[in-house]
Amino acid sequence: MNVESVPRAYRSTLRAQQARETRERVIRAAGVVFSRQGFQAATMPAIAREAEVSTETVKATASKADLLIAAFETVFAGAAGEESLADTPAGATITDLDAEDFVDAVVNAIALANAHGHALWTVLLGAALSDPAVDQALQGILANRRADYARLVSELETRGAAFADPARAAAELSFLLSPEGYQQLVVQSGWSHADYVAWLRAGVARIGAGDRPGR
């Protein structure tokens, strides 16, 4: 055995861990700065100050657009690269639950994600209007969201819900559970988080029962 290989491997592993931790710190800092200042006004030096690293470190981590995307993915789904809640460990365990617990778990998970991510979602929407990289990422996130809600409708059907038009039900759920709803009801109208969750739960139940105006 080459005794030199153990310290060398240890140093390599340590450097990789430090690099990951620095990247995570920069992404979290970017989320704070973007939420506070918006996309256009945010600067790499401001992100560096928030992360307590050099501006060069921030620039080496990712572009401004990629930092915004990673920051949103991190606050919404818990890790960069996971735009979909279904891709997270918590999302995977939800599908094992019975009907009542399943709906409660979905509503609570999405409500919490909206609480964490609504500000960056607004920034992301605005940035997509002027930055092609952000717009491309947004289209991917929206595609994932459509797939998630189609999957949610399918899961509800396996638990007894009956939808005459599953695609319409998925669109209704996507609208009901959107970050924009949290922004309007909690941030702008002053609802408590508990009131918001109860409202979501009632809305999901209504959609699941096929209760639409005019029916």
C-alpha atoms as a PDB file:
ATOM      1  CA  MET A   1       0.000   0.000   0.000  1.00  0.00           C
ATOM      2  CA  ASN A   2       1.251   3.463  -0.884  1.00  0.00           C
ATOM      3  CA  VAL A   3       1.005   5.489   2.357  1.00  0.00           C
ATOM      4  CA  GLU A   4       1.148   8.697   0.352  1.00  0.00           C
ATOM      5  CA  SER A   5      -2.160   7.863  -1.350  1.00  0.00           C
ATOM      6  CA  VAL A   6      -4.222   8.157   1.854  1.00  0.00           C
ATOM      7  CA  PRO A   7      -3.299  11.773   2.718  1.00  0.00           C
ATOM      8  CA  ARG A   8      -3.559  12.721  -0.938  1.00  0.00           C
ATOM      9  CA  ALA A   9      -7.054  11.208  -1.222  1.00  0.00           C
ATOM     10  CA  TYR A  10      -8.056  12.905   2.037  1.00  0.00           C
ATOM     11  CA  ARG A  11      -6.885  16.297   0.779  1.00  0.00           C
ATOM     12  CA  SER A  12      -8.759  15.791  -2.478  1.00  0.00           C
ATOM     13  CA  THR A  13     -11.963  14.875  -0.650  1.00  0.00           C
ATOM     14  CA  LEU A  14     -11.576  17.847   1.687  1.00  0.00           C
ATOM     15  CA  ARG A  15     -11.078  20.246  -1.213  1.00  0.00           C
ATOM     16  CA  ALA A  16     -14.173  18.882  -2.959  1.00  0.00           C
ATOM     17  CA  GLN A  17     -16.230  19.293   0.222  1.00  0.00           C
ATOM     18  CA  GLN A  18     -14.997  22.848   0.707  1.00  0.00           C
ATOM     19  CA  ALA A  19     -15.826  23.653  -2.908  1.00  0.00           C
ATOM     20  CA  ARG A  20     -19.376  22.321  -2.442  1.00  0.00           C
ATOM     21  CA  GLU A  21     -19.846  24.300   0.743  1.00  0.00           C
ATOM     22  CA  THR A  22     -18.577  27.482  -0.916  1.00  0.00           C
ATOM     23  CA  ARG A  23     -20.898  26.962  -3.869  1.00  0.00           C
ATOM     24  CA  GLU A  24     -23.867  26.411  -1.557  1.00  0.00           C
ATOM     25  CA  ARG A  25     -22.989  29.542   0.426  1.00  0.00           C
ATOM     26  CA  VAL A  26     -22.752  31.612  -2.752  1.00  0.00           C
ATOM     27  CA  ILE A  27     -26.090  30.277  -4.025  1.00  0.00           C
ATOM     28  CA  ARG A  28     -27.827  31.018  -0.711  1.00  0.00           C
ATOM     29  CA  ALA A  29     -26.327  34.508  -0.696  1.00  0.00           C
ATOM     30  CA  ALA A  30     -27.455  35.044  -4.277  1.00  0.00           C
ATOM     31  CA  GLY A  31     -30.996  34.138  -3.252  1.00  0.00           C
ATOM     32  CA  VAL A  32     -30.927  36.738  -0.483  1.00  0.00           C
ATOM     33  CA  VAL A  33     -29.554  39.466  -2.768  1.00  0.00           C
ATOM     34  CA  PHE A  34     -31.901  38.694  -5.662  1.00  0.00           C
ATOM     35  CA  SER A  35     -34.919  38.640  -3.317  1.00  0.00           C
ATOM     36  CA  ARG A  36     -33.875  41.985  -1.869  1.00  0.00           C
ATOM     37  CA  GLN A  37     -32.710  43.816  -4.997  1.00  0.00           C
ATOM     38  CA  GLY A  38     -34.189  42.007  -8.000  1.00  0.00           C
ATOM     39  CA  PHE A  39     -32.239  40.571 -10.910  1.00  0.00           C
ATOM     40  CA  GLN A  40     -31.123  43.695 -12.740  1.00  0.00           C
ATOM     41  CA  ALA A  41     -29.963  45.615  -9.654  1.00  0.00           C
ATOM     42  CA  ALA A  42     -28.155  42.684  -8.033  1.00  0.00           C
ATOM     43  CA  THR A  43     -24.397  42.603  -8.604  1.00  0.00           C
ATOM     44  CA  MET A  44     -21.697  40.001  -8.196  1.00  0.00           C
ATOM     45  CA  PRO A  45     -19.891  42.137  -5.566  1.00  0.00           C
ATOM     46  CA  ALA A  46     -23.140  42.375  -3.562  1.00  0.00           C
ATOM     47  CA  ILE A  47     -23.516  38.590  -3.661  1.00  0.00           C
ATOM     48  CA  ALA A  48     -19.869  38.227  -2.657  1.00  0.00           C
ATOM     49  CA  ARG A  49     -20.375  40.490   0.366  1.00  0.00           C
ATOM     50  CA  GLU A  50     -23.448  38.522   1.426  1.00  0.00           C
ATOM     51  CA  ALA A  51     -21.570  35.222   1.048  1.00  0.00           C
ATOM     52  CA  GLU A  52     -18.394  36.634   2.633  1.00  0.00           C
ATOM     53  CA  VAL A  53     -16.250  35.494  -0.292  1.00  0.00           C
ATOM     54  CA  SER A  54     -14.415  37.323  -3.066  1.00  0.00           C
ATOM     55  CA  THR A  55     -16.153  38.582  -6.177  1.00  0.00           C
ATOM     56  CA  GLU A  56     -13.866  36.299  -8.188  1.00  0.00           C
ATOM     57  CA  THR A  57     -15.202  33.316  -6.235  1.00  0.00           C
ATOM     58  CA  VAL A  58     -18.779  34.290  -7.098  1.00  0.00           C
ATOM     59  CA  LYS A  59     -17.919  34.703 -10.780  1.00  0.00           C
ATOM     60  CA  ALA A  60     -16.187  31.327 -10.764  1.00  0.00           C
ATOM     61  CA  THR A  61     -19.233  29.679  -9.211  1.00  0.00           C
ATOM     62  CA  ALA A  62     -21.746  30.541 -11.937  1.00  0.00           C
ATOM     63  CA  SER A  63     -23.082  33.287 -14.161  1.00  0.00           C
ATOM     64  CA  LYS A  64     -25.606  35.741 -12.759  1.00  0.00           C
ATOM     65  CA  ALA A  65     -28.453  33.982 -14.568  1.00  0.00           C
ATOM     66  CA  ASP A  66     -27.337  30.541 -13.377  1.00  0.00           C
ATOM     67  CA  LEU A  67     -27.049  31.833  -9.805  1.00  0.00           C
ATOM     68  CA  LEU A  68     -30.658  33.024  -9.933  1.00  0.00           C
ATOM     69  CA  ILE A  69     -31.837  29.688 -11.285  1.00  0.00           C
ATOM     70  CA  ALA A  70     -29.852  27.711  -8.709  1.00  0.00           C
ATOM     71  CA  ALA A  71     -31.037  29.985  -5.898  1.00  0.00           C
ATOM     72  CA  PHE A  72     -34.678  29.448  -6.854  1.00  0.00           C
ATOM     73  CA  GLU A  73     -34.262  25.693  -7.155  1.00  0.00           C
ATOM     74  CA  THR A  74     -32.569  25.599  -3.751  1.00  0.00           C
ATOM     75  CA  VAL A  75     -35.203  27.585  -1.854  1.00  0.00           C
ATOM     76  CA  PHE A  76     -38.117  25.914  -3.651  1.00  0.00           C
ATOM     77  CA  ALA A  77     -37.038  22.269  -3.809  1.00  0.00           C
ATOM     78  CA  GLY A  78     -34.168  22.169  -1.311  1.00  0.00           C
ATOM     79  CA  ALA A  79     -31.281  21.712  -3.752  1.00  0.00           C
ATOM     80  CA  ALA A  80     -30.059  23.182  -7.019  1.00  0.00           C
ATOM     81  CA  GLY A  81     -30.978  21.042 -10.006  1.00  0.00           C
ATOM     82  CA  GLU A  82     -34.296  19.902  -8.511  1.00  0.00           C
ATOM     83  CA  GLU A  83     -36.956  22.226  -9.896  1.00  0.00           C
ATOM     84  CA  SER A  84     -39.629  19.627  -9.110  1.00  0.00           C
ATOM     85  CA  LEU A  85     -40.784  18.813  -5.593  1.00  0.00           C
ATOM     86  CA  ALA A  86     -41.395  15.264  -6.787  1.00  0.00           C
ATOM     87  CA  ASP A  87     -37.638  14.864  -7.277  1.00  0.00           C
ATOM     88  CA  THR A  88     -36.873  15.514  -3.615  1.00  0.00           C
ATOM     89  CA  PRO A  89     -36.701  12.782  -0.930  1.00  0.00           C
ATOM     90  CA  ALA A  90     -39.749  14.310   0.797  1.00  0.00           C
ATOM     91  CA  GLY A  91     -41.699  14.276  -2.454  1.00  0.00           C
ATOM     92  CA  ALA A  92     -40.881  10.634  -3.068  1.00  0.00           C
ATOM     93  CA  THR A  93     -42.261   9.520   0.317  1.00  0.00           C
ATOM     94  CA  ILE A  94     -45.568  11.362  -0.190  1.00  0.00           C
ATOM     95  CA  THR A  95     -46.754   8.856  -2.784  1.00  0.00           C
ATOM     96  CA  ASP A  96     -46.788   6.102  -0.151  1.00  0.00           C
ATOM     97  CA  LEU A  97     -49.504   7.849   1.878  1.00  0.00           C
ATOM     98  CA  ASP A  98     -53.250   7.161   1.992  1.00  0.00           C
ATOM     99  CA  ALA A  99     -55.711   9.643   0.453  1.00  0.00           C
ATOM    100  CA  GLU A 100     -56.261  11.993   3.408  1.00  0.00           C
ATOM    101  CA  ASP A 101     -52.642  12.064   4.507  1.00  0.00           C
ATOM    102  CA  PHE A 102     -51.497  12.319   0.894  1.00  0.00           C
ATOM    103  CA  VAL A 103     -53.449  15.513   0.224  1.00  0.00           C
ATOM    104  CA  ASP A 104     -52.356  17.042   3.536  1.00  0.00           C
ATOM    105  CA  ALA A 105     -48.708  16.238   2.798  1.00  0.00           C
ATOM    106  CA  VAL A 106     -48.891  17.665  -0.737  1.00  0.00           C
ATOM    107  CA  VAL A 107     -50.576  20.860   0.421  1.00  0.00           C
ATOM    108  CA  ASN A 108     -48.154  21.371   3.301  1.00  0.00           C
ATOM    109  CA  ALA A 109     -45.096  20.704   1.127  1.00  0.00           C
ATOM    110  CA  ILE A 110     -46.196  23.105  -1.604  1.00  0.00           C
ATOM    111  CA  ALA A 111     -47.299  25.777   0.875  1.00  0.00           C
ATOM    112  CA  LEU A 112     -43.891  25.640   2.537  1.00  0.00           C
ATOM    113  CA  ALA A 113     -42.126  25.749  -0.844  1.00  0.00           C
ATOM    114  CA  ASN A 114     -44.203  28.781  -1.825  1.00  0.00           C
ATOM    115  CA  ALA A 115     -43.378  30.490   1.474  1.00  0.00           C
ATOM    116  CA  HIS A 116     -39.669  29.995   0.823  1.00  0.00           C
ATOM    117  CA  GLY A 117     -39.659  30.626  -2.918  1.00  0.00           C
ATOM    118  CA  HIS A 118     -42.361  33.166  -3.806  1.00  0.00           C
ATOM    119  CA  ALA A 119     -40.027  36.186  -3.796  1.00  0.00           C
ATOM    120  CA  LEU A 120     -37.461  34.520  -6.044  1.00  0.00           C
ATOM    121  CA  TRP A 121     -40.249  33.251  -8.287  1.00  0.00           C
ATOM    122  CA  THR A 122     -41.292  36.848  -8.925  1.00  0.00           C
ATOM    123  CA  VAL A 123     -37.671  37.774  -9.680  1.00  0.00           C
ATOM    124  CA  LEU A 124     -37.332  34.765 -11.981  1.00  0.00           C
ATOM    125  CA  LEU A 125     -40.432  35.747 -13.970  1.00  0.00           C
ATOM    126  CA  GLY A 126     -39.158  39.293 -14.401  1.00  0.00           C
ATOM    127  CA  ALA A 127     -35.631  38.225 -15.362  1.00  0.00           C
ATOM    128  CA  ALA A 128     -36.969  35.815 -17.983  1.00  0.00           C
ATOM    129  CA  LEU A 129     -38.339  38.763 -19.948  1.00  0.00           C
ATOM    130  CA  SER A 130     -34.842  40.056 -20.701  1.00  0.00           C
ATOM    131  CA  ASP A 131     -32.437  37.142 -20.191  1.00  0.00           C
ATOM    132  CA  PRO A 132     -32.652  34.185 -22.625  1.00  0.00           C
ATOM    133  CA  ALA A 133     -30.859  31.815 -20.236  1.00  0.00           C
ATOM    134  CA  VAL A 134     -33.317  32.551 -17.460  1.00  0.00           C
ATOM    135  CA  ASP A 135     -36.250  32.252 -19.868  1.00  0.00           C
ATOM    136  CA  GLN A 136     -35.022  28.850 -21.052  1.00  0.00           C
ATOM    137  CA  ALA A 137     -34.724  27.672 -17.445  1.00  0.00           C
ATOM    138  CA  LEU A 138     -38.177  29.056 -16.662  1.00  0.00           C
ATOM    139  CA  GLN A 139     -39.711  27.102 -19.524  1.00  0.00           C
ATOM    140  CA  GLY A 140     -38.129  23.965 -18.107  1.00  0.00           C
ATOM    141  CA  ILE A 141     -39.471  24.725 -14.639  1.00  0.00           C
ATOM    142  CA  LEU A 142     -42.967  25.318 -16.052  1.00  0.00           C
ATOM    143  CA  ALA A 143     -42.778  22.048 -17.987  1.00  0.00           C
ATOM    144  CA  ASN A 144     -41.790  20.242 -14.780  1.00  0.00           C
ATOM    145  CA  ARG A 145     -44.672  21.911 -12.972  1.00  0.00           C
ATOM    146  CA  ARG A 146     -47.165  20.766 -15.621  1.00  0.00           C
ATOM    147  CA  ALA A 147     -45.808  17.225 -15.318  1.00  0.00           C
ATOM    148  CA  ASP A 148     -46.013  17.406 -11.519  1.00  0.00           C
ATOM    149  CA  TYR A 149     -49.670  18.406 -11.558  1.00  0.00           C
ATOM    150  CA  ALA A 150     -50.554  15.773 -14.145  1.00  0.00           C
ATOM    151  CA  ARG A 151     -48.891  13.286 -11.792  1.00  0.00           C
ATOM    152  CA  LEU A 152     -50.822  14.737  -8.837  1.00  0.00           C
ATOM    153  CA  VAL A 153     -54.121  14.238 -10.663  1.00  0.00           C
ATOM    154  CA  SER A 154     -53.124  10.648 -11.412  1.00  0.00           C
ATOM    155  CA  GLU A 155     -52.249  10.050  -7.750  1.00  0.00           C
ATOM    156  CA  LEU A 156     -55.587  11.529  -6.661  1.00  0.00           C
ATOM    157  CA  GLU A 157     -57.404   9.248  -9.110  1.00  0.00           C
ATOM    158  CA  THR A 158     -55.731   6.200  -7.559  1.00  0.00           C
ATOM    159  CA  ARG A 159     -57.121   7.413  -4.218  1.00  0.00           C
ATOM    160  CA  GLY A 160     -60.735   7.713  -5.365  1.00  0.00           C
ATOM    161  CA  ALA A 161     -61.006  11.071  -7.150  1.00  0.00           C
ATOM    162  CA  ALA A 162     -62.821  11.093 -10.496  1.00  0.00           C
ATOM    163  CA  PHE A 163     -62.036  13.774 -13.078  1.00  0.00           C
ATOM    164  CA  ALA A 164     -64.084  14.243 -16.238  1.00  0.00           C
ATOM    165  CA  ASP A 165     -61.167  16.269 -17.616  1.00  0.00           C
ATOM    166  CA  PRO A 166     -57.857  15.408 -15.910  1.00  0.00           C
ATOM    167  CA  ALA A 167     -55.942  18.027 -17.915  1.00  0.00           C
ATOM    168  CA  ARG A 168     -58.305  20.748 -16.711  1.00  0.00           C
ATOM    169  CA  ALA A 169     -58.024  19.506 -13.125  1.00  0.00           C
ATOM    170  CA  ALA A 170     -54.222  19.642 -13.373  1.00  0.00           C
ATOM    171  CA  ALA A 171     -54.402  23.230 -14.637  1.00  0.00           C
ATOM    172  CA  GLU A 172     -56.764  24.190 -11.806  1.00  0.00           C
ATOM    173  CA  LEU A 173     -54.451  22.661  -9.204  1.00  0.00           C
ATOM    174  CA  SER A 174     -51.440  24.388 -10.722  1.00  0.00           C
ATOM    175  CA  PHE A 175     -53.219  27.745 -10.478  1.00  0.00           C
ATOM    176  CA  LEU A 176     -54.507  27.112  -6.950  1.00  0.00           C
ATOM    177  CA  LEU A 177     -51.121  26.030  -5.587  1.00  0.00           C
ATOM    178  CA  SER A 178     -48.996  28.583  -7.446  1.00  0.00           C
ATOM    179  CA  PRO A 179     -46.433  30.871  -5.737  1.00  0.00           C
ATOM    180  CA  GLU A 180     -48.472  33.826  -7.008  1.00  0.00           C
ATOM    181  CA  GLY A 181     -51.359  32.765  -4.754  1.00  0.00           C
ATOM    182  CA  TYR A 182     -49.100  32.808  -1.705  1.00  0.00           C
ATOM    183  CA  GLN A 183     -47.793  36.231  -2.705  1.00  0.00           C
ATOM    184  CA  GLN A 184     -51.274  37.691  -2.995  1.00  0.00           C
ATOM    185  CA  LEU A 185     -52.966  36.055  -0.023  1.00  0.00           C
ATOM    186  CA  VAL A 186     -50.191  35.904   2.594  1.00  0.00           C
ATOM    187  CA  VAL A 187     -47.775  38.682   1.643  1.00  0.00           C
ATOM    188  CA  GLN A 188     -50.225  41.227   0.243  1.00  0.00           C
ATOM    189  CA  SER A 189     -53.453  40.385   2.068  1.00  0.00           C
ATOM    190  CA  GLY A 190     -51.952  39.405   5.419  1.00  0.00           C
ATOM    191  CA  TRP A 191     -53.299  35.872   5.729  1.00  0.00           C
ATOM    192  CA  SER A 192     -51.551  33.608   8.205  1.00  0.00           C
ATOM    193  CA  HIS A 193     -49.734  30.567   6.869  1.00  0.00           C
ATOM    194  CA  ALA A 194     -52.291  28.350   8.623  1.00  0.00           C
ATOM    195  CA  ASP A 195     -55.197  30.139   6.919  1.00  0.00           C
ATOM    196  CA  TYR A 196     -53.448  29.791   3.579  1.00  0.00           C
ATOM    197  CA  VAL A 197     -52.900  26.053   4.081  1.00  0.00           C
ATOM    198  CA  ALA A 198     -56.557  25.553   5.085  1.00  0.00           C
ATOM    199  CA  TRP A 199     -57.685  27.452   1.980  1.00  0.00           C
ATOM    200  CA  LEU A 200     -55.472  25.307  -0.224  1.00  0.00           C
ATOM    201  CA  ARG A 201     -56.761  22.120   1.412  1.00  0.00           C
ATOM    202  CA  ALA A 202     -60.374  23.145   0.769  1.00  0.00           C
ATOM    203  CA  GLY A 203     -59.575  24.062  -2.820  1.00  0.00           C
ATOM    204  CA  VAL A 204     -57.890  20.745  -3.540  1.00  0.00           C
ATOM    205  CA  ALA A 205     -60.884  18.945  -2.036  1.00  0.00           C
ATOM    206  CA  ARG A 206     -63.262  20.958  -4.241  1.00  0.00           C
ATOM    207  CA  ILE A 207     -61.288  20.209  -7.390  1.00  0.00           C
ATOM    208  CA  GLY A 208     -60.962  16.565  -6.395  1.00  0.00           C
ATOM    209  CA  ALA A 209     -64.737  16.362  -5.973  1.00  0.00           C
ATOM    210  CA  GLY A 210     -65.282  17.880  -9.410  1.00  0.00           C
ATOM    211  CA  ASP A 211     -67.115  20.842  -7.862  1.00  0.00           C
ATOM    212  CA  ARG A 212     -66.935  23.634 -10.434  1.00  0.00           C
ATOM    213  CA  PRO A 213     -69.093  26.779 -10.764  1.00  0.00           C
ATOM    214  CA  GLY A 214     -72.165  26.174 -12.883  1.00  0.00           C
ATOM    215  CA  ARG A 215     -72.279  22.471 -12.308  1.00  0.00           C
END
